[in-house]
C-alpha atoms as a PDB file:
ATOM      1  CA  MET A   1       0.000   0.000   0.000  1.00  0.00           C
ATOM      2  CA  PRO A   2       1.403   3.447  -0.876  1.00  0.00           C
ATOM      3  CA  ARG A   3       2.711   5.514   1.997  1.00  0.00           C
ATOM      4  CA  THR A   4       1.101   8.888   2.648  1.00  0.00           C
ATOM      5  CA  THR A   5       3.252  11.715   3.916  1.00  0.00           C
ATOM      6  CA  THR A   6       1.981  14.986   5.302  1.00  0.00           C
ATOM      7  CA  MET A   7       4.164  17.969   4.462  1.00  0.00           C
ATOM      8  CA  THR A   8       3.976  21.589   5.427  1.00  0.00           C
ATOM      9  CA  VAL A   9       4.961  24.175   2.854  1.00  0.00           C
ATOM     10  CA  ARG A  10       5.084  27.888   3.524  1.00  0.00           C
ATOM     11  CA  VAL A  11       4.769  30.403   0.735  1.00  0.00           C
ATOM     12  CA  SER A  12       4.282  34.115   0.990  1.00  0.00           C
ATOM     13  CA  GLY A  13       3.967  37.197  -1.116  1.00  0.00           C
ATOM     14  CA  ALA A  14       3.719  36.726  -4.859  1.00  0.00           C
ATOM     15  CA  LEU A  15       3.925  32.923  -4.602  1.00  0.00           C
ATOM     16  CA  SER A  16       1.031  32.822  -2.158  1.00  0.00           C
ATOM     17  CA  GLU A  17      -1.029  35.088  -4.386  1.00  0.00           C
ATOM     18  CA  PHE A  18      -0.238  32.935  -7.415  1.00  0.00           C
ATOM     19  CA  VAL A  19      -1.358  29.792  -5.597  1.00  0.00           C
ATOM     20  CA  ALA A  20      -4.547  31.534  -4.492  1.00  0.00           C
ATOM     21  CA  THR A  21      -5.417  32.409  -8.100  1.00  0.00           C
ATOM     22  CA  ASN A  22      -5.119  28.733  -9.072  1.00  0.00           C
ATOM     23  CA  VAL A  23      -7.187  27.334  -6.198  1.00  0.00           C
ATOM     24  CA  GLY A  24     -10.856  27.701  -5.319  1.00  0.00           C
ATOM     25  CA  GLU A  25     -13.901  28.770  -7.255  1.00  0.00           C
ATOM     26  CA  ASP A  26     -12.009  30.720  -9.900  1.00  0.00           C
ATOM     27  CA  GLY A  27      -8.983  28.414 -10.065  1.00  0.00           C
ATOM     28  CA  ALA A  28      -8.250  25.149 -11.821  1.00  0.00           C
ATOM     29  CA  TYR A  29      -7.865  23.235  -8.527  1.00  0.00           C
ATOM     30  CA  GLU A  30     -10.283  22.649  -5.673  1.00  0.00           C
ATOM     31  CA  ASN A  31      -7.622  22.898  -2.977  1.00  0.00           C
ATOM     32  CA  VAL A  32      -3.915  23.534  -2.455  1.00  0.00           C
ATOM     33  CA  SER A  33      -3.121  19.842  -1.915  1.00  0.00           C
ATOM     34  CA  GLU A  34      -4.569  18.961  -5.322  1.00  0.00           C
ATOM     35  CA  TYR A  35      -2.510  21.752  -6.905  1.00  0.00           C
ATOM     36  CA  ILE A  36       0.727  20.647  -5.220  1.00  0.00           C
ATOM     37  CA  ARG A  37       0.167  16.980  -6.178  1.00  0.00           C
ATOM     38  CA  ASP A  38      -0.329  18.031  -9.799  1.00  0.00           C
ATOM     39  CA  LEU A  39       2.856  20.134  -9.741  1.00  0.00           C
ATOM     40  CA  ILE A  40       4.820  17.202  -8.311  1.00  0.00           C
ATOM     41  CA  ARG A  41       3.400  14.804 -10.940  1.00  0.00           C
ATOM     42  CA  ARG A  42       4.332  17.218 -13.726  1.00  0.00           C
ATOM     43  CA  ASP A  43       7.840  17.662 -12.351  1.00  0.00           C
ATOM     44  CA  LYS A  44       8.243  13.868 -12.091  1.00  0.00           C
ATOM     45  CA  GLU A  45       7.096  13.481 -15.706  1.00  0.00           C
ATOM     46  CA  ARG A  46       9.553  16.205 -16.778  1.00  0.00           C
ATOM     47  CA  ALA A  47      12.438  14.478 -14.998  1.00  0.00           C
ATOM     48  CA  GLU A  48      11.513  11.131 -16.581  1.00  0.00           C
ATOM     49  CA  ARG A  49      11.218  12.738 -20.025  1.00  0.00           C
ATOM     50  CA  GLU A  50      14.645  14.383 -19.630  1.00  0.00           C
ATOM     51  CA  ALA A  51      16.200  11.058 -18.563  1.00  0.00           C
ATOM     52  CA  PHE A  52      14.609   9.341 -21.574  1.00  0.00           C
ATOM     53  CA  ASP A  53      15.841  12.099 -23.904  1.00  0.00           C
ATOM     54  CA  ARG A  54      19.403  11.709 -22.547  1.00  0.00           C
ATOM     55  CA  LEU A  55      19.232   7.947 -23.091  1.00  0.00           C
ATOM     56  CA  LYS A  56      17.829   8.410 -26.589  1.00  0.00           C
ATOM     57  CA  ALA A  57      20.604  10.886 -27.474  1.00  0.00           C
ATOM     58  CA  GLU A  58      23.252   8.472 -26.193  1.00  0.00           C
ATOM     59  CA  LEU A  59      21.764   5.630 -28.225  1.00  0.00           C
ATOM     60  CA  ASN A  60      21.592   7.830 -31.332  1.00  0.00           C
ATOM     61  CA  ARG A  61      25.302   8.674 -30.909  1.00  0.00           C
ATOM     62  CA  ALA A  62      26.126   4.995 -30.468  1.00  0.00           C
ATOM     63  CA  PHE A  63      24.181   3.914 -33.544  1.00  0.00           C
ATOM     64  CA  ALA A  64      25.689   6.743 -35.605  1.00  0.00           C
ATOM     65  CA  ALA A  65      29.257   5.667 -34.750  1.00  0.00           C
ATOM     66  CA  PRO A  66      31.175   3.851 -37.488  1.00  0.00           C
ATOM     67  CA  GLU A  67      30.835   0.099 -37.156  1.00  0.00           C
ATOM     68  CA  ASP A  68      34.607  -0.388 -36.947  1.00  0.00           C
ATOM     69  CA  THR A  69      34.594   1.501 -33.617  1.00  0.00           C
ATOM     70  CA  TYR A  70      32.398  -1.156 -32.010  1.00  0.00           C
ATOM     71  CA  LYS A  71      34.084  -3.689 -29.789  1.00  0.00           C
ATOM     72  CA  PRO A  72      32.604  -6.873 -28.370  1.00  0.00           C
ATOM     73  CA  LEU A  73      31.790  -6.860 -24.666  1.00  0.00           C
ATOM     74  CA  THR A  74      30.795  -9.670 -22.384  1.00  0.00           C
ATOM     75  CA  ALA A  75      28.147  -9.266 -19.712  1.00  0.00           C
ATOM     76  CA  ALA A  76      30.965  -9.239 -17.151  1.00  0.00           C
ATOM     77  CA  ASP A  77      32.647  -6.355 -19.032  1.00  0.00           C
ATOM     78  CA  VAL A  78      29.458  -4.299 -18.931  1.00  0.00           C
ATOM     79  CA  ILE A  79      28.860  -5.016 -15.233  1.00  0.00           C
ATOM     80  CA  ALA A  80      32.446  -4.105 -14.368  1.00  0.00           C
ATOM     81  CA  ARG A  81      32.271  -0.893 -16.427  1.00  0.00           C
ATOM     82  CA  ASN A  82      29.069   0.193 -14.689  1.00  0.00           C
ATOM     83  CA  ARG A  83      30.484  -0.391 -11.213  1.00  0.00           C
ATOM     84  CA  THR A  84      32.972   2.443 -11.590  1.00  0.00           C
END
């Protein structure tokens, strides 16, 4: 079962006003918790997308390399390389 954590966040000034405009009757969210959860989900998706884009770029570089630069590796070679 997922763990629930209660967190306290303090915002003031312009940030507080910005949150207030996004919450309630006139806002897109019913309450601050809903707004914060959505922000966290979006940030998580962004981080995952950036990690995927880095992986994709690395693979594109690898596949674009001349075939004569490839060298055979065993599973043990790969494991050892990734331990460092």
